[in-house]
Amino acid sequence: MKAGSRTTRCSCRLNRVFVVSEMIRVALVEDNDVFREALELLLGLRPDMGVVASVADGADAARVVAEVRPDVVLMDYRLPGLDGVQATRAVLDAYPDTAVVCLTASANPREREALVEAGAVDCLQKDEGLDAIVEAIRRASRPALA
């Protein structure tokens, strides 16, 4: 079952109202199949986020954002097709309300600066761990609260 396809039905009468935040819709752009699939699985287990798309090529990033309209795009830096900077620009030129968080294994400071100049709201090392990635996605999805 995909993260975005869960449906819960309740036939009981409500005596309390609970505020439930909307699920953060995440699109992954990552060319490493194993890393992308692991992120897809682990992010899908989070109650407040779901992976709505997953592609391996920077050239597909803007197309998939057009199709699924995610809140956050988690973008690798080194990609086939368009690199992370070019793909970030393409996404944000077409959909400026979408937040882009970049992941990199080896970007130098100049490359990281180029990502921020392209509009990425955050740039993380891939080895920072899942908690750091999750928090960056949450911050990016709610910029007014960050």
Protein backbone atom coordinates (compact mmCIF):
# COMPACT_ATOMS: atom_id res chain seq x y z
CA MET A 1 0.00 0.00 0.00
CA LYS A 2 1.37 3.41 -0.93
CA ALA A 3 1.61 6.09 1.74
CA GLY A 4 -0.91 8.39 0.08
CA SER A 5 -3.58 5.70 -0.31
CA ARG A 6 -4.51 5.09 3.32
CA THR A 7 -8.18 5.55 4.19
CA THR A 8 -9.59 5.37 7.69
CA ARG A 9 -13.31 5.14 8.37
CA CYS A 10 -15.00 5.50 11.71
CA SER A 11 -18.64 4.74 12.37
CA CYS A 12 -18.59 5.95 15.98
CA ARG A 13 -20.06 9.26 17.13
CA LEU A 14 -17.54 11.94 17.87
CA ASN A 15 -17.60 13.58 21.26
CA ARG A 16 -14.32 15.43 20.77
CA VAL A 17 -12.77 17.22 17.86
CA PHE A 18 -9.09 16.71 17.22
CA VAL A 19 -7.02 18.99 15.03
CA VAL A 20 -5.08 16.91 12.55
CA SER A 21 -2.47 18.57 10.42
CA GLU A 22 -2.45 17.80 6.74
CA MET A 23 -0.03 15.26 5.44
CA ILE A 24 3.12 16.73 3.89
CA ARG A 25 3.28 15.59 0.28
CA VAL A 26 6.88 14.79 -0.72
CA ALA A 27 8.36 14.10 -4.15
CA LEU A 28 11.78 12.43 -4.31
CA VAL A 29 14.32 13.17 -7.04
CA GLU A 30 17.24 10.80 -6.42
CA ASP A 31 19.19 8.69 -8.89
CA ASN A 32 20.48 6.12 -6.38
CA ASP A 33 17.75 3.46 -6.48
CA VAL A 34 18.56 1.95 -3.08
CA PHE A 35 18.71 5.33 -1.31
CA ARG A 36 15.53 6.55 -3.06
CA GLU A 37 13.59 3.39 -2.18
CA ALA A 38 14.80 3.53 1.43
CA LEU A 39 13.70 7.17 1.72
CA GLU A 40 10.36 6.32 0.14
CA LEU A 41 9.79 3.56 2.68
CA LEU A 42 11.01 5.45 5.75
CA LEU A 43 9.24 8.72 4.95
CA GLY A 44 6.06 6.77 4.19
CA LEU A 45 6.11 5.42 7.74
CA ARG A 46 5.87 8.94 9.17
CA PRO A 47 2.29 9.84 10.16
CA ASP A 48 2.60 13.40 8.87
CA MET A 49 4.16 12.81 5.46
CA GLY A 50 3.80 10.69 2.39
CA VAL A 51 5.83 10.20 -0.77
CA VAL A 52 3.61 11.07 -3.72
CA ALA A 53 6.23 10.66 -6.47
CA SER A 54 9.71 9.30 -6.94
CA VAL A 55 11.96 9.83 -9.98
CA ALA A 56 15.61 9.18 -10.77
CA ASP A 57 16.35 11.97 -13.26
CA GLY A 58 16.57 15.73 -12.78
CA ALA A 59 14.85 16.29 -16.12
CA ASP A 60 11.74 14.57 -14.71
CA ALA A 61 11.53 16.78 -11.62
CA ALA A 62 9.38 19.61 -13.03
CA ARG A 63 7.12 17.15 -14.86
CA VAL A 64 6.41 15.13 -11.74
CA VAL A 65 5.79 18.29 -9.70
CA ALA A 66 3.25 19.35 -12.32
CA GLU A 67 1.52 15.99 -12.06
CA VAL A 68 1.34 15.55 -8.27
CA ARG A 69 1.89 19.07 -6.83
CA PRO A 70 3.92 18.10 -3.74
CA ASP A 71 4.53 20.43 -0.82
CA VAL A 72 8.25 19.56 -0.75
CA VAL A 73 10.68 18.15 -3.29
CA LEU A 74 13.63 16.28 -1.81
CA MET A 75 16.26 16.77 -4.53
CA ASP A 76 19.64 15.13 -4.97
CA TYR A 77 22.45 17.38 -6.17
CA ARG A 78 24.17 15.08 -8.65
CA LEU A 79 21.58 13.78 -11.10
CA PRO A 80 21.46 12.60 -14.70
CA GLY A 81 19.62 14.88 -17.09
CA LEU A 82 19.51 18.15 -15.16
CA ASP A 83 21.68 18.54 -12.06
CA GLY A 84 20.13 19.57 -8.74
CA VAL A 85 20.63 23.30 -9.38
CA GLN A 86 19.03 23.18 -12.83
CA ALA A 87 16.19 20.92 -11.65
CA THR A 88 15.53 23.18 -8.62
CA ARG A 89 15.28 26.20 -10.92
CA ALA A 90 12.94 24.35 -13.29
CA VAL A 91 10.65 23.28 -10.44
CA LEU A 92 10.55 26.69 -8.79
CA ASP A 93 10.14 28.63 -12.05
CA ALA A 94 7.00 26.61 -12.77
CA TYR A 95 5.76 26.11 -9.19
CA PRO A 96 7.15 28.78 -6.84
CA ASP A 97 5.00 27.61 -3.91
CA THR A 98 6.78 24.25 -3.85
CA ALA A 99 9.69 24.00 -1.40
CA VAL A 100 12.91 22.25 -2.45
CA VAL A 101 15.25 20.60 0.04
CA CYS A 102 18.49 19.33 -1.47
CA LEU A 103 20.47 16.31 -0.42
CA THR A 104 24.08 15.80 -1.35
CA ALA A 105 26.80 13.32 -0.67
CA SER A 106 29.63 15.51 -1.83
CA ALA A 107 28.70 19.06 -2.86
CA ASN A 108 31.37 21.63 -2.07
CA PRO A 109 30.49 25.04 -0.53
CA ARG A 110 30.24 26.72 -3.95
CA GLU A 111 27.83 24.04 -5.18
CA ARG A 112 25.74 24.30 -2.00
CA GLU A 113 25.59 28.08 -2.46
CA ALA A 114 24.37 27.55 -6.04
CA LEU A 115 21.54 25.36 -4.72
CA VAL A 116 20.45 28.06 -2.28
CA GLU A 117 20.68 30.71 -5.02
CA ALA A 118 18.48 28.48 -7.19
CA GLY A 119 15.86 28.59 -4.43
CA ALA A 120 16.47 25.51 -2.26
CA VAL A 121 15.34 26.22 1.30
CA ASP A 122 17.82 23.78 2.81
CA CYS A 123 20.79 21.67 1.75
CA LEU A 124 21.73 18.59 3.77
CA GLN A 125 24.43 15.98 3.59
CA LYS A 126 22.98 12.52 2.95
CA ASP A 127 24.80 11.13 5.97
CA GLU A 128 23.12 13.56 8.41
CA GLY A 129 20.51 10.93 9.17
CA LEU A 130 16.81 10.46 8.72
CA ASP A 131 15.76 12.70 11.62
CA ALA A 132 17.57 15.68 10.09
CA ILE A 133 15.97 15.01 6.70
CA VAL A 134 12.50 14.69 8.25
CA GLU A 135 12.91 17.94 10.19
CA ALA A 136 14.13 19.75 7.07
CA ILE A 137 11.03 18.55 5.19
CA ARG A 138 8.78 19.70 8.03
CA ARG A 139 10.45 23.14 8.17
CA ALA A 140 10.24 23.53 4.42
CA SER A 141 6.55 22.64 4.34
CA ARG A 142 5.73 25.28 6.94
CA PRO A 143 8.05 28.22 6.25
CA ALA A 144 6.00 30.68 8.27
CA LEU A 145 6.51 28.57 11.39
CA ALA A 146 10.21 27.83 10.87
